[in-house]
Amino acid sequence: MFLFPTRYSFEAQPTVIYDAFASDTAVTSFARRAIEEQVQVCIATVAVDQSFHETATQFPTGS
């Protein structure tokens, strides 16, 4: 699993998420800017006002 808890408010479309997809790795990220559009139903996103750790640990890992 790849965790991407970015706090950068201007995060656009990080290619590291595509890299993770290419290696068949599950991804969890904050729902910032275009990330939610980028990932659609492929990963779980965490609302920026939620605790990343507490929320992300509730998602399945894909294994």
PDB file of N, CA and C in Angstrom:
ATOM      1  N   MET A   1       0.841  -1.176   0.000  1.00  0.00           N
ATOM      2  CA  MET A   1       0.000   0.000   0.000  1.00  0.00           C
ATOM      3  C   MET A   1       0.885   1.237   0.000  1.00  0.00           C
ATOM      4  N   PHE A   2       0.485   2.231  -0.802  1.00  0.00           N
ATOM      5  CA  PHE A   2       1.190   3.506  -0.851  1.00  0.00           C
ATOM      6  C   PHE A   2       0.311   4.558  -0.192  1.00  0.00           C
ATOM      7  N   LEU A   3       0.815   5.175   0.849  1.00  0.00           N
ATOM      8  CA  LEU A   3       0.090   6.245   1.546  1.00  0.00           C
ATOM      9  C   LEU A   3       0.661   7.581   1.096  1.00  0.00           C
ATOM     10  N   PHE A   4      -0.236   8.495   0.718  1.00  0.00           N
ATOM     11  CA  PHE A   4       0.193   9.803   0.224  1.00  0.00           C
ATOM     12  C   PHE A   4      -0.571  10.886   0.988  1.00  0.00           C
ATOM     13  N   PRO A   5      -0.187  11.120   2.243  1.00  0.00           N
ATOM     14  CA  PRO A   5      -0.900  12.098   3.078  1.00  0.00           C
ATOM     15  C   PRO A   5      -0.404  13.523   2.848  1.00  0.00           C
ATOM     16  N   THR A   6      -0.447  13.978   1.612  1.00  0.00           N
ATOM     17  CA  THR A   6       0.076  15.297   1.283  1.00  0.00           C
ATOM     18  C   THR A   6      -0.686  16.409   2.000  1.00  0.00           C
ATOM     19  N   ARG A   7       0.045  17.349   2.520  1.00  0.00           N
ATOM     20  CA  ARG A   7      -0.557  18.521   3.153  1.00  0.00           C
ATOM     21  C   ARG A   7      -0.349  19.768   2.301  1.00  0.00           C
ATOM     22  N   TYR A   8       0.272  19.580   1.143  1.00  0.00           N
ATOM     23  CA  TYR A   8       0.531  20.684   0.229  1.00  0.00           C
ATOM     24  C   TYR A   8      -0.797  21.121  -0.388  1.00  0.00           C
ATOM     25  N   SER A   9      -1.239  22.330  -0.098  1.00  0.00           N
ATOM     26  CA  SER A   9      -2.570  22.785  -0.516  1.00  0.00           C
ATOM     27  C   SER A   9      -2.703  22.994  -2.024  1.00  0.00           C
ATOM     28  N   PHE A  10      -1.572  23.105  -2.731  1.00  0.00           N
ATOM     29  CA  PHE A  10      -1.622  23.302  -4.182  1.00  0.00           C
ATOM     30  C   PHE A  10      -1.284  22.030  -4.953  1.00  0.00           C
ATOM     31  N   GLU A  11      -1.398  20.876  -4.301  1.00  0.00           N
ATOM     32  CA  GLU A  11      -1.110  19.588  -4.946  1.00  0.00           C
ATOM     33  C   GLU A  11      -1.970  19.480  -6.204  1.00  0.00           C
ATOM     34  N   ALA A  12      -1.359  19.153  -7.305  1.00  0.00           N
ATOM     35  CA  ALA A  12      -2.105  19.122  -8.567  1.00  0.00           C
ATOM     36  C   ALA A  12      -2.442  17.691  -8.958  1.00  0.00           C
ATOM     37  N   GLN A  13      -1.557  17.056  -9.694  1.00  0.00           N
ATOM     38  CA  GLN A  13      -1.800  15.703 -10.178  1.00  0.00           C
ATOM     39  C   GLN A  13      -0.504  14.910 -10.000  1.00  0.00           C
ATOM     40  N   PRO A  14      -0.242  14.458  -8.793  1.00  0.00           N
ATOM     41  CA  PRO A  14       1.048  13.818  -8.509  1.00  0.00           C
ATOM     42  C   PRO A  14       1.241  12.511  -9.277  1.00  0.00           C
ATOM     43  N   THR A  15       2.354  12.427  -9.993  1.00  0.00           N
ATOM     44  CA  THR A  15       2.625  11.234 -10.795  1.00  0.00           C
ATOM     45  C   THR A  15       2.969  10.016  -9.943  1.00  0.00           C
ATOM     46  N   VAL A  16       3.325  10.227  -8.683  1.00  0.00           N
ATOM     47  CA  VAL A  16       3.634   9.081  -7.821  1.00  0.00           C
ATOM     48  C   VAL A  16       2.428   8.159  -7.679  1.00  0.00           C
ATOM     49  N   ILE A  17       1.226   8.718  -7.798  1.00  0.00           N
ATOM     50  CA  ILE A  17       0.019   7.884  -7.732  1.00  0.00           C
ATOM     51  C   ILE A  17      -0.056   6.978  -8.958  1.00  0.00           C
ATOM     52  N   TYR A  18       0.250   7.518 -10.142  1.00  0.00           N
ATOM     53  CA  TYR A  18       0.276   6.688 -11.349  1.00  0.00           C
ATOM     54  C   TYR A  18       1.378   5.625 -11.259  1.00  0.00           C
ATOM     55  N   ASP A  19       2.508   5.986 -10.683  1.00  0.00           N
ATOM     56  CA  ASP A  19       3.588   5.007 -10.493  1.00  0.00           C
ATOM     57  C   ASP A  19       3.110   3.854  -9.615  1.00  0.00           C
ATOM     58  N   ALA A  20       2.390   4.174  -8.563  1.00  0.00           N
ATOM     59  CA  ALA A  20       1.861   3.130  -7.681  1.00  0.00           C
ATOM     60  C   ALA A  20       0.865   2.250  -8.432  1.00  0.00           C
ATOM     61  N   PHE A  21      -0.014   2.865  -9.225  1.00  0.00           N
ATOM     62  CA  PHE A  21      -0.968   2.089 -10.030  1.00  0.00           C
ATOM     63  C   PHE A  21      -0.234   1.135 -10.971  1.00  0.00           C
ATOM     64  N   ALA A  22       0.849   1.634 -11.578  1.00  0.00           N
ATOM     65  CA  ALA A  22       1.609   0.821 -12.534  1.00  0.00           C
ATOM     66  C   ALA A  22       2.199  -0.420 -11.885  1.00  0.00           C
ATOM     67  N   SER A  23       2.489  -0.343 -10.598  1.00  0.00           N
ATOM     68  CA  SER A  23       3.051  -1.505  -9.899  1.00  0.00           C
ATOM     69  C   SER A  23       1.977  -2.255  -9.115  1.00  0.00           C
ATOM     70  N   ASP A  24       0.705  -1.994  -9.448  1.00  0.00           N
ATOM     71  CA  ASP A  24      -0.433  -2.687  -8.840  1.00  0.00           C
ATOM     72  C   ASP A  24      -0.447  -2.532  -7.316  1.00  0.00           C
ATOM     73  N   THR A  25      -0.187  -1.306  -6.881  1.00  0.00           N
ATOM     74  CA  THR A  25      -0.143  -0.993  -5.461  1.00  0.00           C
ATOM     75  C   THR A  25      -1.375  -0.185  -5.066  1.00  0.00           C
ATOM     76  N   ALA A  26      -2.009  -0.567  -3.969  1.00  0.00           N
ATOM     77  CA  ALA A  26      -3.151   0.187  -3.461  1.00  0.00           C
ATOM     78  C   ALA A  26      -2.672   1.541  -2.953  1.00  0.00           C
ATOM     79  N   VAL A  27      -3.482   2.579  -3.139  1.00  0.00           N
ATOM     80  CA  VAL A  27      -3.103   3.942  -2.771  1.00  0.00           C
ATOM     81  C   VAL A  27      -4.181   4.570  -1.903  1.00  0.00           C
ATOM     82  N   THR A  28      -3.759   5.310  -0.901  1.00  0.00           N
ATOM     83  CA  THR A  28      -4.658   6.137  -0.102  1.00  0.00           C
ATOM     84  C   THR A  28      -4.040   7.518  -0.010  1.00  0.00           C
ATOM     85  N   SER A  29      -4.859   8.549  -0.216  1.00  0.00           N
ATOM     86  CA  SER A  29      -4.363   9.915  -0.236  1.00  0.00           C
ATOM     87  C   SER A  29      -5.401  10.876   0.321  1.00  0.00           C
ATOM     88  N   PHE A  30      -4.927  12.044   0.737  1.00  0.00           N
ATOM     89  CA  PHE A  30      -5.858  13.116   1.047  1.00  0.00           C
ATOM     90  C   PHE A  30      -6.547  13.545  -0.245  1.00  0.00           C
ATOM     91  N   ALA A  31      -7.779  13.973  -0.158  1.00  0.00           N
ATOM     92  CA  ALA A  31      -8.537  14.433  -1.325  1.00  0.00           C
ATOM     93  C   ALA A  31      -8.214  15.898  -1.581  1.00  0.00           C
ATOM     94  N   ARG A  32      -7.058  16.155  -2.147  1.00  0.00           N
ATOM     95  CA  ARG A  32      -6.615  17.523  -2.436  1.00  0.00           C
ATOM     96  C   ARG A  32      -6.649  17.789  -3.924  1.00  0.00           C
ATOM     97  N   ARG A  33      -7.102  18.981  -4.276  1.00  0.00           N
ATOM     98  CA  ARG A  33      -7.128  19.459  -5.670  1.00  0.00           C
ATOM     99  C   ARG A  33      -7.593  18.370  -6.633  1.00  0.00           C
ATOM    100  N   ALA A  34      -6.749  17.986  -7.597  1.00  0.00           N
ATOM    101  CA  ALA A  34      -7.154  17.041  -8.642  1.00  0.00           C
ATOM    102  C   ALA A  34      -6.942  15.581  -8.261  1.00  0.00           C
ATOM    103  N   ILE A  35      -6.441  15.323  -7.070  1.00  0.00           N
ATOM    104  CA  ILE A  35      -6.156  13.937  -6.689  1.00  0.00           C
ATOM    105  C   ILE A  35      -7.416  13.083  -6.737  1.00  0.00           C
ATOM    106  N   GLU A  36      -8.512  13.576  -6.193  1.00  0.00           N
ATOM    107  CA  GLU A  36      -9.740  12.785  -6.187  1.00  0.00           C
ATOM    108  C   GLU A  36     -10.206  12.485  -7.622  1.00  0.00           C
ATOM    109  N   GLU A  37     -10.064  13.454  -8.525  1.00  0.00           N
ATOM    110  CA  GLU A  37     -10.380  13.234  -9.936  1.00  0.00           C
ATOM    111  C   GLU A  37      -9.431  12.227 -10.559  1.00  0.00           C
ATOM    112  N   GLN A  38      -8.160  12.341 -10.207  1.00  0.00           N
ATOM    113  CA  GLN A  38      -7.117  11.486 -10.762  1.00  0.00           C
ATOM    114  C   GLN A  38      -7.349  10.029 -10.397  1.00  0.00           C
ATOM    115  N   VAL A  39      -7.749   9.781  -9.185  1.00  0.00           N
ATOM    116  CA  VAL A  39      -7.827   8.408  -8.700  1.00  0.00           C
ATOM    117  C   VAL A  39      -9.202   7.792  -8.875  1.00  0.00           C
ATOM    118  N   GLN A  40     -10.232   8.601  -8.924  1.00  0.00           N
ATOM    119  CA  GLN A  40     -11.611   8.155  -9.070  1.00  0.00           C
ATOM    120  C   GLN A  40     -11.908   6.998  -8.123  1.00  0.00           C
ATOM    121  N   VAL A  41     -12.300   5.849  -8.625  1.00  0.00           N
ATOM    122  CA  VAL A  41     -12.659   4.738  -7.743  1.00  0.00           C
ATOM    123  C   VAL A  41     -11.483   3.799  -7.477  1.00  0.00           C
ATOM    124  N   CYS A  42     -10.303   4.152  -7.964  1.00  0.00           N
ATOM    125  CA  CYS A  42      -9.147   3.257  -7.837  1.00  0.00           C
ATOM    126  C   CYS A  42      -8.541   3.234  -6.444  1.00  0.00           C
ATOM    127  N   ILE A  43      -8.750   4.290  -5.683  1.00  0.00           N
ATOM    128  CA  ILE A  43      -8.195   4.317  -4.336  1.00  0.00           C
ATOM    129  C   ILE A  43      -9.186   4.966  -3.390  1.00  0.00           C
ATOM    130  N   ALA A  44      -8.814   4.983  -2.150  1.00  0.00           N
ATOM    131  CA  ALA A  44      -9.605   5.674  -1.140  1.00  0.00           C
ATOM    132  C   ALA A  44      -8.972   7.030  -0.885  1.00  0.00           C
ATOM    133  N   THR A  45      -9.807   8.034  -0.670  1.00  0.00           N
ATOM    134  CA  THR A  45      -9.287   9.341  -0.301  1.00  0.00           C
ATOM    135  C   THR A  45      -9.830   9.717   1.069  1.00  0.00           C
ATOM    136  N   VAL A  46      -9.064  10.540   1.755  1.00  0.00           N
ATOM    137  CA  VAL A  46      -9.406  11.015   3.087  1.00  0.00           C
ATOM    138  C   VAL A  46      -9.691  12.509   2.987  1.00  0.00           C
ATOM    139  N   ALA A  47     -10.808  12.943   3.519  1.00  0.00           N
ATOM    140  CA  ALA A  47     -11.117  14.375   3.523  1.00  0.00           C
ATOM    141  C   ALA A  47     -10.030  15.113   4.289  1.00  0.00           C
ATOM    142  N   VAL A  48      -9.673  16.308   3.826  1.00  0.00           N
ATOM    143  CA  VAL A  48      -8.550  17.033   4.425  1.00  0.00           C
ATOM    144  C   VAL A  48      -8.806  17.439   5.872  1.00  0.00           C
ATOM    145  N   ASP A  49     -10.050  17.436   6.304  1.00  0.00           N
ATOM    146  CA  ASP A  49     -10.333  17.805   7.697  1.00  0.00           C
ATOM    147  C   ASP A  49     -10.416  16.589   8.621  1.00  0.00           C
ATOM    148  N   GLN A  50     -10.105  15.400   8.094  1.00  0.00           N
ATOM    149  CA  GLN A  50     -10.091  14.186   8.902  1.00  0.00           C
ATOM    150  C   GLN A  50      -8.671  13.793   9.253  1.00  0.00           C
ATOM    151  N   SER A  51      -8.534  12.959  10.271  1.00  0.00           N
ATOM    152  CA  SER A  51      -7.228  12.421  10.633  1.00  0.00           C
ATOM    153  C   SER A  51      -6.834  11.378   9.594  1.00  0.00           C
ATOM    154  N   PHE A  52      -5.708  11.607   8.915  1.00  0.00           N
ATOM    155  CA  PHE A  52      -5.274  10.674   7.872  1.00  0.00           C
ATOM    156  C   PHE A  52      -5.030   9.295   8.472  1.00  0.00           C
ATOM    157  N   HIS A  53      -4.284   9.232   9.545  1.00  0.00           N
ATOM    158  CA  HIS A  53      -3.922   7.947  10.145  1.00  0.00           C
ATOM    159  C   HIS A  53      -5.160   7.168  10.584  1.00  0.00           C
ATOM    160  N   GLU A  54      -6.044   7.799  11.307  1.00  0.00           N
ATOM    161  CA  GLU A  54      -7.226   7.104  11.810  1.00  0.00           C
ATOM    162  C   GLU A  54      -8.133   6.640  10.686  1.00  0.00           C
ATOM    163  N   THR A  55      -8.292   7.448   9.656  1.00  0.00           N
ATOM    164  CA  THR A  55      -9.184   7.095   8.551  1.00  0.00           C
ATOM    165  C   THR A  55      -8.554   6.082   7.613  1.00  0.00           C
ATOM    166  N   ALA A  56      -7.305   6.303   7.245  1.00  0.00           N
ATOM    167  CA  ALA A  56      -6.626   5.422   6.271  1.00  0.00           C
ATOM    168  C   ALA A  56      -6.475   4.004   6.782  1.00  0.00           C
ATOM    169  N   THR A  57      -6.330   3.815   8.055  1.00  0.00           N
ATOM    170  CA  THR A  57      -6.164   2.456   8.581  1.00  0.00           C
ATOM    171  C   THR A  57      -7.458   1.650   8.509  1.00  0.00           C
ATOM    172  N   GLN A  58      -8.560   2.299   8.201  1.00  0.00           N
ATOM    173  CA  GLN A  58      -9.846   1.600   8.070  1.00  0.00           C
ATOM    174  C   GLN A  58     -10.088   1.078   6.656  1.00  0.00           C
ATOM    175  N   PHE A  59      -9.265   1.501   5.675  1.00  0.00           N
ATOM    176  CA  PHE A  59      -9.446   1.087   4.291  1.00  0.00           C
ATOM    177  C   PHE A  59      -8.804  -0.271   4.041  1.00  0.00           C
ATOM    178  N   PRO A  60      -9.366  -1.051   3.110  1.00  0.00           N
ATOM    179  CA  PRO A  60      -8.718  -2.329   2.743  1.00  0.00           C
ATOM    180  C   PRO A  60      -7.401  -2.068   2.039  1.00  0.00           C
ATOM    181  N   THR A  61      -6.478  -2.992   2.152  1.00  0.00           N
ATOM    182  CA  THR A  61      -5.153  -2.814   1.570  1.00  0.00           C
ATOM    183  C   THR A  61      -5.026  -3.397   0.181  1.00  0.00           C
ATOM    184  N   GLY A  62      -6.016  -4.108  -0.274  1.00  0.00           N
ATOM    185  CA  GLY A  62      -5.933  -4.704  -1.595  1.00  0.00           C
ATOM    186  C   GLY A  62      -5.268  -6.048  -1.603  1.00  0.00           C
ATOM    187  N   SER A  63      -4.882  -6.549  -0.436  1.00  0.00           N
ATOM    188  CA  SER A  63      -4.220  -7.858  -0.404  1.00  0.00           C
ATOM    189  C   SER A  63      -5.180  -8.957  -0.105  1.00  0.00           C
TER     190      SER A  63
END
